[in-house]
């Protein structure tokens, strides 16, 4: 085997390994990031919908303890 062919084969193998690792890492990071964003957005919406109920509970607790 020629040294040039062996070097080309090793460089190609290393490039494929790095490309696959970067592709896997990028996709796993973007999927996790988008899931975290959507979950946080849903949690904010739920909190905003329940916020008036929090105030009602606090007001009710204060009126019960005042009487």
N, C-alpha and C. Protein backbone atom coordinates (compact mmCIF):
# COMPACT_ATOMS: atom_id res chain seq x y z
N UNK A 1 0.85 -1.17 0.00
CA UNK A 1 0.00 0.00 0.00
C UNK A 1 0.90 1.24 0.00
N UNK A 2 0.49 2.20 -0.75
CA UNK A 2 1.28 3.44 -0.84
C UNK A 2 1.02 4.32 0.38
N UNK A 3 2.01 5.09 0.82
CA UNK A 3 1.81 5.98 1.97
C UNK A 3 0.77 7.06 1.71
N UNK A 4 0.68 7.53 0.48
CA UNK A 4 -0.31 8.56 0.16
C UNK A 4 -1.75 8.03 0.28
N UNK A 5 -1.94 6.77 -0.16
CA UNK A 5 -3.27 6.17 -0.07
C UNK A 5 -3.67 5.95 1.38
N UNK A 6 -2.72 5.50 2.18
CA UNK A 6 -2.99 5.26 3.60
C UNK A 6 -3.31 6.58 4.32
N UNK A 7 -2.57 7.63 4.00
CA UNK A 7 -2.84 8.94 4.60
C UNK A 7 -4.21 9.45 4.19
N UNK A 8 -4.55 9.28 2.91
CA UNK A 8 -5.86 9.71 2.42
C UNK A 8 -6.99 8.94 3.11
N UNK A 9 -6.79 7.64 3.30
CA UNK A 9 -7.80 6.81 3.96
C UNK A 9 -7.98 7.24 5.42
N UNK A 10 -6.89 7.52 6.12
CA UNK A 10 -6.99 7.94 7.51
C UNK A 10 -7.63 9.33 7.63
N UNK A 11 -7.28 10.23 6.74
CA UNK A 11 -7.87 11.57 6.78
C UNK A 11 -9.37 11.50 6.48
N UNK A 12 -9.73 10.65 5.51
CA UNK A 12 -11.15 10.48 5.17
C UNK A 12 -11.92 9.88 6.34
N UNK A 13 -11.34 8.89 6.99
CA UNK A 13 -11.99 8.28 8.15
C UNK A 13 -12.15 9.28 9.29
N UNK A 14 -11.12 10.06 9.55
CA UNK A 14 -11.19 11.06 10.62
C UNK A 14 -12.22 12.14 10.29
N UNK A 15 -12.27 12.56 9.04
CA UNK A 15 -13.25 13.58 8.63
C UNK A 15 -14.67 13.05 8.76
N UNK A 16 -14.89 11.80 8.38
CA UNK A 16 -16.22 11.21 8.52
C UNK A 16 -16.63 11.09 9.98
N UNK A 17 -15.66 10.73 10.82
CA UNK A 17 -15.95 10.61 12.26
C UNK A 17 -16.31 11.97 12.85
N UNK A 18 -15.54 13.00 12.53
CA UNK A 18 -15.81 14.34 13.06
C UNK A 18 -17.14 14.86 12.52
N UNK A 19 -17.40 14.65 11.24
CA UNK A 19 -18.65 15.11 10.64
C UNK A 19 -19.85 14.43 11.30
N UNK A 20 -19.75 13.15 11.53
CA UNK A 20 -20.85 12.42 12.18
C UNK A 20 -21.03 12.86 13.62
N UNK A 21 -19.94 13.09 14.32
CA UNK A 21 -20.03 13.53 15.71
C UNK A 21 -20.63 14.92 15.80
N UNK A 22 -20.22 15.80 14.92
CA UNK A 22 -20.78 17.16 14.93
C UNK A 22 -22.26 17.13 14.56
N UNK A 23 -22.61 16.32 13.58
CA UNK A 23 -24.01 16.23 13.17
C UNK A 23 -24.88 15.69 14.30
N UNK A 24 -24.40 14.66 14.97
CA UNK A 24 -25.17 14.11 16.09
C UNK A 24 -25.26 15.11 17.23
N UNK A 25 -24.16 15.75 17.54
CA UNK A 25 -24.17 16.71 18.63
C UNK A 25 -25.05 17.91 18.33
N UNK A 26 -25.01 18.38 17.09
CA UNK A 26 -25.83 19.54 16.74
C UNK A 26 -27.31 19.20 16.81
N UNK A 27 -27.69 18.04 16.27
CA UNK A 27 -29.11 17.69 16.28
C UNK A 27 -29.60 17.45 17.70
N UNK A 28 -28.78 16.82 18.53
CA UNK A 28 -29.24 16.56 19.89
C UNK A 28 -29.35 17.87 20.68
N UNK A 29 -28.47 18.82 20.41
CA UNK A 29 -28.57 20.11 21.10
C UNK A 29 -29.79 20.90 20.64
N UNK A 30 -30.05 20.92 19.35
CA UNK A 30 -31.18 21.71 18.85
C UNK A 30 -32.52 21.11 19.28
N UNK A 31 -32.61 19.79 19.29
CA UNK A 31 -33.86 19.16 19.72
C UNK A 31 -34.12 19.46 21.19
N UNK A 32 -33.11 19.32 22.02
CA UNK A 32 -33.29 19.59 23.45
C UNK A 32 -33.63 21.07 23.68
N UNK A 33 -32.98 21.94 22.93
CA UNK A 33 -33.26 23.36 23.08
C UNK A 33 -34.68 23.72 22.68
N UNK A 34 -35.15 23.14 21.58
CA UNK A 34 -36.51 23.45 21.15
C UNK A 34 -37.54 22.86 22.10
N UNK A 35 -37.27 21.68 22.64
CA UNK A 35 -38.19 21.10 23.62
C UNK A 35 -38.23 21.94 24.89
N UNK A 36 -37.08 22.38 25.34
CA UNK A 36 -37.05 23.21 26.54
C UNK A 36 -37.79 24.52 26.31
N UNK A 37 -37.63 25.10 25.12
CA UNK A 37 -38.32 26.35 24.81
C UNK A 37 -39.84 26.15 24.79
N UNK A 38 -40.30 25.08 24.15
CA UNK A 38 -41.74 24.86 24.07
C UNK A 38 -42.34 24.53 25.43
N UNK A 39 -41.60 23.77 26.25
CA UNK A 39 -42.10 23.45 27.59
C UNK A 39 -42.17 24.70 28.45
N UNK A 40 -41.14 25.54 28.36
CA UNK A 40 -41.13 26.78 29.14
C UNK A 40 -42.23 27.72 28.68
N UNK A 41 -42.47 27.78 27.36
CA UNK A 41 -43.54 28.64 26.85
C UNK A 41 -44.90 28.15 27.36
N UNK A 42 -45.10 26.84 27.38
CA UNK A 42 -46.35 26.30 27.89
C UNK A 42 -46.50 26.57 29.38
N UNK A 43 -45.42 26.46 30.13
CA UNK A 43 -45.47 26.73 31.57
C UNK A 43 -45.81 28.19 31.84
N UNK A 44 -45.27 29.09 31.04
CA UNK A 44 -45.58 30.51 31.21
C UNK A 44 -47.04 30.77 30.91
N UNK A 45 -47.57 30.16 29.87
CA UNK A 45 -48.99 30.34 29.54
C UNK A 45 -49.89 29.80 30.65
N UNK A 46 -49.54 28.65 31.19
CA UNK A 46 -50.34 28.08 32.28
C UNK A 46 -50.28 28.99 33.50
N UNK A 47 -49.10 29.50 33.81
CA UNK A 47 -48.98 30.40 34.96
C UNK A 47 -49.78 31.68 34.76
N UNK A 48 -49.77 32.21 33.56
CA UNK A 48 -50.54 33.43 33.31
C UNK A 48 -52.04 33.18 33.41
N UNK A 49 -52.48 32.00 33.01
CA UNK A 49 -53.90 31.68 33.13
C UNK A 49 -54.31 31.45 34.57
N UNK A 50 -53.39 30.94 35.39
CA UNK A 50 -53.72 30.65 36.79
C UNK A 50 -53.43 31.81 37.73
N UNK A 51 -52.81 32.86 37.24
CA UNK A 51 -52.45 33.98 38.09
C UNK A 51 -53.65 34.62 38.80
N UNK A 52 -54.77 34.86 38.13
CA UNK A 52 -55.93 35.41 38.87
C UNK A 52 -56.40 34.50 39.99
N UNK A 53 -56.28 33.18 39.81
CA UNK A 53 -56.68 32.25 40.86
C UNK A 53 -55.77 32.36 42.08
N UNK A 54 -54.49 32.63 41.86
CA UNK A 54 -53.56 32.84 42.98
C UNK A 54 -54.00 34.03 43.82
N UNK A 55 -54.34 35.11 43.14
CA UNK A 55 -54.77 36.31 43.87
C UNK A 55 -56.07 36.07 44.62
N UNK A 56 -56.97 35.31 44.02
CA UNK A 56 -58.23 34.99 44.71
C UNK A 56 -57.97 34.15 45.95
N UNK A 57 -57.06 33.21 45.85
CA UNK A 57 -56.73 32.36 47.01
C UNK A 57 -56.12 33.20 48.13
N UNK A 58 -55.23 34.10 47.78
CA UNK A 58 -54.61 34.96 48.79
C UNK A 58 -55.65 35.85 49.44
N UNK A 59 -56.54 36.44 48.64
CA UNK A 59 -57.57 37.30 49.18
C UNK A 59 -58.52 36.53 50.09
N UNK A 60 -58.88 35.32 49.69
CA UNK A 60 -59.77 34.49 50.50
C UNK A 60 -59.10 34.10 51.81
N UNK A 61 -57.84 33.75 51.76
CA UNK A 61 -57.12 33.37 52.98
C UNK A 61 -57.03 34.57 53.94
N UNK A 62 -56.79 35.74 53.41
CA UNK A 62 -56.69 36.92 54.28
C UNK A 62 -58.05 37.27 54.89
N UNK A 63 -59.13 37.10 54.11
CA UNK A 63 -60.45 37.43 54.65
C UNK A 63 -60.88 36.41 55.69
N UNK A 64 -60.50 35.16 55.52
CA UNK A 64 -60.85 34.12 56.51
C UNK A 64 -60.09 34.35 57.80
N UNK A 65 -58.81 34.67 57.69
CA UNK A 65 -58.01 34.87 58.90
C UNK A 65 -58.36 36.18 59.61
N UNK A 66 -58.91 37.15 58.86
CA UNK A 66 -59.28 38.43 59.48
C UNK A 66 -60.58 38.30 60.28
N UNK A 67 -61.43 37.34 59.92
CA UNK A 67 -62.70 37.23 60.64
C UNK A 67 -62.67 36.37 61.85
